[in-house]
C-alpha atoms as a PDB file:
ATOM      1  CA  UNK A   1      12.381  21.890 -65.377  1.00  0.00           C
ATOM      2  CA  UNK A   2      14.892  24.116 -63.666  1.00  0.00           C
ATOM      3  CA  UNK A   3      12.135  26.285 -62.314  1.00  0.00           C
ATOM      4  CA  UNK A   4      10.327  23.295 -60.693  1.00  0.00           C
ATOM      5  CA  UNK A   5      13.575  22.090 -59.130  1.00  0.00           C
ATOM      6  CA  UNK A   6      14.159  25.573 -57.671  1.00  0.00           C
ATOM      7  CA  UNK A   7      10.666  25.677 -56.170  1.00  0.00           C
ATOM      8  CA  UNK A   8      11.139  22.181 -54.694  1.00  0.00           C
ATOM      9  CA  UNK A   9      14.483  23.236 -53.201  1.00  0.00           C
ATOM     10  CA  UNK A  10      12.908  26.396 -51.755  1.00  0.00           C
ATOM     11  CA  UNK A  11      10.011  24.418 -50.250  1.00  0.00           C
ATOM     12  CA  UNK A  12      12.487  21.913 -48.838  1.00  0.00           C
ATOM     13  CA  UNK A  13      14.452  24.692 -47.152  1.00  0.00           C
ATOM     14  CA  UNK A  14      11.293  26.254 -45.739  1.00  0.00           C
ATOM     15  CA  UNK A  15       9.947  22.862 -44.671  1.00  0.00           C
ATOM     16  CA  UNK A  16      13.205  22.092 -42.887  1.00  0.00           C
ATOM     17  CA  UNK A  17      12.999  25.237 -40.768  1.00  0.00           C
ATOM     18  CA  UNK A  18       9.332  24.544 -40.059  1.00  0.00           C
ATOM     19  CA  UNK A  19      10.245  21.028 -39.006  1.00  0.00           C
ATOM     20  CA  UNK A  20      12.884  22.241 -36.584  1.00  0.00           C
ATOM     21  CA  UNK A  21      10.355  24.680 -35.105  1.00  0.00           C
ATOM     22  CA  UNK A  22       7.856  21.832 -34.731  1.00  0.00           C
ATOM     23  CA  UNK A  23      10.398  19.844 -32.774  1.00  0.00           C
ATOM     24  CA  UNK A  24      10.509  22.607 -30.187  1.00  0.00           C
ATOM     25  CA  UNK A  25      13.602  24.477 -31.300  1.00  0.00           C
ATOM     26  CA  UNK A  26      12.983  28.193 -31.105  1.00  0.00           C
ATOM     27  CA  UNK A  27      15.238  30.495 -33.098  1.00  0.00           C
ATOM     28  CA  UNK A  28      18.073  31.819 -30.960  1.00  0.00           C
ATOM     29  CA  UNK A  29      17.411  35.066 -29.141  1.00  0.00           C
ATOM     30  CA  UNK A  30      13.614  35.062 -29.614  1.00  0.00           C
ATOM     31  CA  UNK A  31      12.827  34.398 -25.961  1.00  0.00           C
ATOM     32  CA  UNK A  32      10.268  31.792 -26.993  1.00  0.00           C
ATOM     33  CA  UNK A  33       9.994  28.610 -24.939  1.00  0.00           C
ATOM     34  CA  UNK A  34      11.468  25.525 -26.541  1.00  0.00           C
ATOM     35  CA  UNK A  35       8.408  23.354 -25.838  1.00  0.00           C
ATOM     36  CA  UNK A  36       5.192  23.750 -27.752  1.00  0.00           C
ATOM     37  CA  UNK A  37       1.923  24.095 -25.828  1.00  0.00           C
ATOM     38  CA  UNK A  38       0.476  21.049 -27.598  1.00  0.00           C
ATOM     39  CA  UNK A  39       3.036  18.729 -25.974  1.00  0.00           C
ATOM     40  CA  UNK A  40       1.828  16.429 -23.208  1.00  0.00           C
ATOM     41  CA  UNK A  41       2.677  17.617 -19.703  1.00  0.00           C
ATOM     42  CA  UNK A  42       5.347  15.624 -17.893  1.00  0.00           C
ATOM     43  CA  UNK A  43       4.158  12.518 -16.059  1.00  0.00           C
ATOM     44  CA  UNK A  44       2.935  13.169 -12.526  1.00  0.00           C
ATOM     45  CA  UNK A  45       5.645  12.423 -10.003  1.00  0.00           C
ATOM     46  CA  UNK A  46       4.370   9.990  -7.399  1.00  0.00           C
ATOM     47  CA  UNK A  47       5.557   9.418  -3.893  1.00  0.00           C
ATOM     48  CA  UNK A  48       6.280   5.777  -3.076  1.00  0.00           C
ATOM     49  CA  UNK A  49       3.909   5.872  -0.083  1.00  0.00           C
ATOM     50  CA  UNK A  50       0.896   7.366  -1.936  1.00  0.00           C
ATOM     51  CA  UNK A  51      -0.962   6.019  -4.979  1.00  0.00           C
ATOM     52  CA  UNK A  52      -0.770   8.210  -8.093  1.00  0.00           C
ATOM     53  CA  UNK A  53      -4.356   7.438  -9.084  1.00  0.00           C
ATOM     54  CA  UNK A  54      -6.259   7.532  -5.785  1.00  0.00           C
ATOM     55  CA  UNK A  55      -3.907   9.548  -3.544  1.00  0.00           C
ATOM     56  CA  UNK A  56      -4.496   6.859  -0.905  1.00  0.00           C
ATOM     57  CA  UNK A  57      -1.625   5.442   1.164  1.00  0.00           C
ATOM     58  CA  UNK A  58       0.539   2.613  -0.152  1.00  0.00           C
ATOM     59  CA  UNK A  59       0.671  -0.112   0.828  1.00  0.00           C
ATOM     60  CA  UNK A  60      -2.925  -0.502   2.006  1.00  0.00           C
ATOM     61  CA  UNK A  61      -5.296  -3.392   2.548  1.00  0.00           C
ATOM     62  CA  UNK A  62      -8.514  -4.190   0.680  1.00  0.00           C
ATOM     63  CA  UNK A  63     -10.432  -7.408   0.026  1.00  0.00           C
ATOM     64  CA  UNK A  64     -11.491  -9.427  -3.000  1.00  0.00           C
ATOM     65  CA  UNK A  65     -15.034  -8.387  -3.910  1.00  0.00           C
ATOM     66  CA  UNK A  66     -16.237 -11.530  -5.668  1.00  0.00           C
ATOM     67  CA  UNK A  67     -15.307 -15.192  -5.593  1.00  0.00           C
ATOM     68  CA  UNK A  68     -12.760 -14.904  -8.404  1.00  0.00           C
ATOM     69  CA  UNK A  69     -10.158 -12.378  -9.474  1.00  0.00           C
ATOM     70  CA  UNK A  70      -7.434 -12.709 -12.091  1.00  0.00           C
ATOM     71  CA  UNK A  71      -3.997 -11.385 -11.157  1.00  0.00           C
ATOM     72  CA  UNK A  72      -2.105 -10.439 -14.314  1.00  0.00           C
ATOM     73  CA  UNK A  73       1.568  -9.972 -15.049  1.00  0.00           C
ATOM     74  CA  UNK A  74       0.985  -6.329 -15.971  1.00  0.00           C
ATOM     75  CA  UNK A  75      -1.743  -3.667 -15.778  1.00  0.00           C
ATOM     76  CA  UNK A  76      -3.986  -4.552 -18.712  1.00  0.00           C
ATOM     77  CA  UNK A  77      -6.119  -7.282 -20.259  1.00  0.00           C
ATOM     78  CA  UNK A  78      -3.381  -8.134 -22.754  1.00  0.00           C
ATOM     79  CA  UNK A  79      -1.075  -9.317 -19.973  1.00  0.00           C
ATOM     80  CA  UNK A  80      -0.918 -12.980 -19.030  1.00  0.00           C
ATOM     81  CA  UNK A  81      -2.839 -14.238 -15.978  1.00  0.00           C
ATOM     82  CA  UNK A  82      -0.329 -15.454 -13.399  1.00  0.00           C
ATOM     83  CA  UNK A  83      -2.654 -16.120 -10.481  1.00  0.00           C
ATOM     84  CA  UNK A  84      -6.379 -16.475  -9.792  1.00  0.00           C
ATOM     85  CA  UNK A  85      -7.763 -15.521  -6.384  1.00  0.00           C
ATOM     86  CA  UNK A  86     -10.768 -17.739  -5.632  1.00  0.00           C
ATOM     87  CA  UNK A  87     -11.924 -16.715  -2.189  1.00  0.00           C
ATOM     88  CA  UNK A  88     -14.424 -13.896  -1.685  1.00  0.00           C
ATOM     89  CA  UNK A  89     -13.382 -11.518   1.066  1.00  0.00           C
ATOM     90  CA  UNK A  90      -9.708 -12.534   0.945  1.00  0.00           C
ATOM     91  CA  UNK A  91      -7.570  -9.657   2.290  1.00  0.00           C
ATOM     92  CA  UNK A  92      -5.124  -8.270  -0.265  1.00  0.00           C
ATOM     93  CA  UNK A  93      -2.406  -5.659   0.022  1.00  0.00           C
ATOM     94  CA  UNK A  94      -2.249  -2.980  -2.697  1.00  0.00           C
ATOM     95  CA  UNK A  95       1.375  -2.101  -3.440  1.00  0.00           C
ATOM     96  CA  UNK A  96       1.011  -0.014  -6.631  1.00  0.00           C
ATOM     97  CA  UNK A  97      -1.544   1.704  -8.871  1.00  0.00           C
ATOM     98  CA  UNK A  98      -1.723   2.299 -12.612  1.00  0.00           C
ATOM     99  CA  UNK A  99      -4.881   3.767 -14.130  1.00  0.00           C
ATOM    100  CA  UNK A 100      -7.701   1.277 -13.311  1.00  0.00           C
ATOM    101  CA  UNK A 101      -5.298  -1.439 -12.144  1.00  0.00           C
ATOM    102  CA  UNK A 102      -3.902  -2.245  -8.699  1.00  0.00           C
ATOM    103  CA  UNK A 103      -0.905  -4.449  -7.975  1.00  0.00           C
ATOM    104  CA  UNK A 104      -1.877  -6.696  -5.065  1.00  0.00           C
ATOM    105  CA  UNK A 105      -0.319  -9.404  -2.897  1.00  0.00           C
ATOM    106  CA  UNK A 106      -1.865 -12.011  -0.651  1.00  0.00           C
ATOM    107  CA  UNK A 107      -0.465 -13.148   2.715  1.00  0.00           C
ATOM    108  CA  UNK A 108       2.052 -15.398   0.966  1.00  0.00           C
ATOM    109  CA  UNK A 109       3.262 -12.681  -1.416  1.00  0.00           C
ATOM    110  CA  UNK A 110       1.526 -14.115  -4.488  1.00  0.00           C
ATOM    111  CA  UNK A 111      -0.350 -11.736  -6.711  1.00  0.00           C
ATOM    112  CA  UNK A 112      -0.193  -9.408  -9.658  1.00  0.00           C
ATOM    113  CA  UNK A 113      -2.239  -6.661 -11.297  1.00  0.00           C
ATOM    114  CA  UNK A 114      -5.999  -6.757 -10.645  1.00  0.00           C
ATOM    115  CA  UNK A 115      -8.677  -4.471 -12.083  1.00  0.00           C
ATOM    116  CA  UNK A 116      -9.940  -2.143  -9.360  1.00  0.00           C
ATOM    117  CA  UNK A 117     -13.561  -3.256  -9.885  1.00  0.00           C
ATOM    118  CA  UNK A 118     -12.650  -6.665  -8.412  1.00  0.00           C
ATOM    119  CA  UNK A 119     -11.585  -5.104  -5.111  1.00  0.00           C
ATOM    120  CA  UNK A 120     -13.586  -3.873  -2.134  1.00  0.00           C
ATOM    121  CA  UNK A 121     -12.784  -1.385   0.607  1.00  0.00           C
ATOM    122  CA  UNK A 122     -14.329  -3.766   3.163  1.00  0.00           C
ATOM    123  CA  UNK A 123     -11.504  -4.696   5.507  1.00  0.00           C
ATOM    124  CA  UNK A 124     -10.902  -8.334   6.301  1.00  0.00           C
ATOM    125  CA  UNK A 125      -8.177 -10.402   7.972  1.00  0.00           C
ATOM    126  CA  UNK A 126      -6.776 -13.862   7.421  1.00  0.00           C
ATOM    127  CA  UNK A 127      -6.009 -15.942  10.505  1.00  0.00           C
ATOM    128  CA  UNK A 128      -2.319 -16.916  10.418  1.00  0.00           C
ATOM    129  CA  UNK A 129      -2.152 -18.780  13.740  1.00  0.00           C
ATOM    130  CA  UNK A 130      -3.887 -22.139  14.159  1.00  0.00           C
ATOM    131  CA  UNK A 131      -6.643 -22.037  16.761  1.00  0.00           C
ATOM    132  CA  UNK A 132      -6.289 -18.300  17.379  1.00  0.00           C
ATOM    133  CA  UNK A 133      -8.398 -17.220  20.326  1.00  0.00           C
ATOM    134  CA  UNK A 134     -11.304 -14.783  20.101  1.00  0.00           C
ATOM    135  CA  UNK A 135     -11.873 -13.011  23.392  1.00  0.00           C
ATOM    136  CA  UNK A 136     -14.688 -10.937  24.864  1.00  0.00           C
ATOM    137  CA  UNK A 137     -12.381  -7.937  25.341  1.00  0.00           C
ATOM    138  CA  UNK A 138      -8.976  -6.791  24.038  1.00  0.00           C
ATOM    139  CA  UNK A 139      -7.132  -8.349  26.963  1.00  0.00           C
ATOM    140  CA  UNK A 140      -5.244 -11.626  27.392  1.00  0.00           C
ATOM    141  CA  UNK A 141      -7.175 -12.178  30.629  1.00  0.00           C
ATOM    142  CA  UNK A 142     -10.617 -11.849  28.957  1.00  0.00           C
ATOM    143  CA  UNK A 143     -12.750 -14.939  28.431  1.00  0.00           C
ATOM    144  CA  UNK A 144     -12.198 -16.962  25.245  1.00  0.00           C
ATOM    145  CA  UNK A 145     -15.447 -17.169  23.261  1.00  0.00           C
ATOM    146  CA  UNK A 146     -14.186 -19.059  20.193  1.00  0.00           C
ATOM    147  CA  UNK A 147     -11.126 -20.285  18.369  1.00  0.00           C
ATOM    148  CA  UNK A 148     -10.395 -19.566  14.716  1.00  0.00           C
ATOM    149  CA  UNK A 149      -8.588 -22.082  12.550  1.00  0.00           C
ATOM    150  CA  UNK A 150      -5.630 -21.227  10.373  1.00  0.00           C
ATOM    151  CA  UNK A 151      -6.763 -19.681   7.067  1.00  0.00           C
ATOM    152  CA  UNK A 152     -10.184 -18.434   8.204  1.00  0.00           C
ATOM    153  CA  UNK A 153     -11.207 -15.018   6.846  1.00  0.00           C
ATOM    154  CA  UNK A 154     -13.090 -12.559   9.034  1.00  0.00           C
ATOM    155  CA  UNK A 155     -14.362  -9.001   8.698  1.00  0.00           C
ATOM    156  CA  UNK A 156     -12.679  -6.269  10.736  1.00  0.00           C
ATOM    157  CA  UNK A 157     -15.026  -4.275  12.959  1.00  0.00           C
ATOM    158  CA  UNK A 158     -12.369  -2.186  14.733  1.00  0.00           C
ATOM    159  CA  UNK A 159      -8.709  -2.298  15.750  1.00  0.00           C
ATOM    160  CA  UNK A 160      -6.588  -0.736  18.446  1.00  0.00           C
ATOM    161  CA  UNK A 161      -2.799  -0.900  18.702  1.00  0.00           C
ATOM    162  CA  UNK A 162      -2.593  -4.621  19.635  1.00  0.00           C
ATOM    163  CA  UNK A 163      -6.045  -6.118  18.987  1.00  0.00           C
ATOM    164  CA  UNK A 164      -8.764  -6.253  16.333  1.00  0.00           C
ATOM    165  CA  UNK A 165     -12.447  -6.891  16.882  1.00  0.00           C
ATOM    166  CA  UNK A 166     -13.537  -9.207  14.081  1.00  0.00           C
ATOM    167  CA  UNK A 167     -16.567 -11.142  12.899  1.00  0.00           C
ATOM    168  CA  UNK A 168     -16.212 -14.776  11.775  1.00  0.00           C
ATOM    169  CA  UNK A 169     -19.514 -16.174  10.470  1.00  0.00           C
ATOM    170  CA  UNK A 170     -21.548 -14.250  13.030  1.00  0.00           C
ATOM    171  CA  UNK A 171     -19.185 -14.800  15.960  1.00  0.00           C
ATOM    172  CA  UNK A 172     -17.638 -11.529  17.114  1.00  0.00           C
ATOM    173  CA  UNK A 173     -14.653 -11.137  19.344  1.00  0.00           C
ATOM    174  CA  UNK A 174     -11.215  -9.656  19.861  1.00  0.00           C
ATOM    175  CA  UNK A 175      -8.143 -11.284  18.340  1.00  0.00           C
ATOM    176  CA  UNK A 176      -4.478 -10.320  18.644  1.00  0.00           C
ATOM    177  CA  UNK A 177      -3.071  -8.554  15.575  1.00  0.00           C
ATOM    178  CA  UNK A 178      -0.124 -10.938  15.658  1.00  0.00           C
ATOM    179  CA  UNK A 179      -2.536 -13.795  14.852  1.00  0.00           C
ATOM    180  CA  UNK A 180      -3.918 -12.246  11.641  1.00  0.00           C
ATOM    181  CA  UNK A 181      -2.806 -10.776   8.304  1.00  0.00           C
ATOM    182  CA  UNK A 182      -4.595  -7.858   6.657  1.00  0.00           C
ATOM    183  CA  UNK A 183      -3.930  -4.975   9.039  1.00  0.00           C
ATOM    184  CA  UNK A 184      -0.759  -2.979   9.673  1.00  0.00           C
ATOM    185  CA  UNK A 185       0.854  -3.454  13.114  1.00  0.00           C
ATOM    186  CA  UNK A 186       0.373   0.201  14.075  1.00  0.00           C
ATOM    187  CA  UNK A 187      -2.991   0.687  12.358  1.00  0.00           C
ATOM    188  CA  UNK A 188      -6.055   1.820  14.313  1.00  0.00           C
ATOM    189  CA  UNK A 189      -9.510   1.268  12.765  1.00  0.00           C
ATOM    190  CA  UNK A 190     -12.611   2.812  14.322  1.00  0.00           C
END
């Protein structure tokens, strides 16, 4: 009996030193690093203006690929659905990234986390001014070819500093950036 207790005590003492070594504590004066190579590397540090996953700028604009997209409270299927986008082509602003999920907002600030497969890189705009004028050229003096109602979504063809050339159901023309949402004020698109 005494012999078994002695062996158990010896194993306990050896196990205790092995445990402290497993927790990354190197014996003093050995020059060994305190972290074990099997430990996970530290999380990648992200800049607030660049996405950790894609290395693309944040915020940036995309559009809803299909006619429906669930916006969740957090990045994962287990999170509650807070909002459902129901308009194909709706411009959305990505404000954060986490693995396969993107945090998005619409023009009114509503949104949540959406799976990246529901988003498209096709750039669109939402008309925010009722009866916004489409012109033949990026100039206030150019002829008006159509008017777009508030809430209409169009595809961006190009943008300069003050104007965007857009397509609304086959009608193409230039519209002031101040009349749409879905493009940054200083953004140029070729």
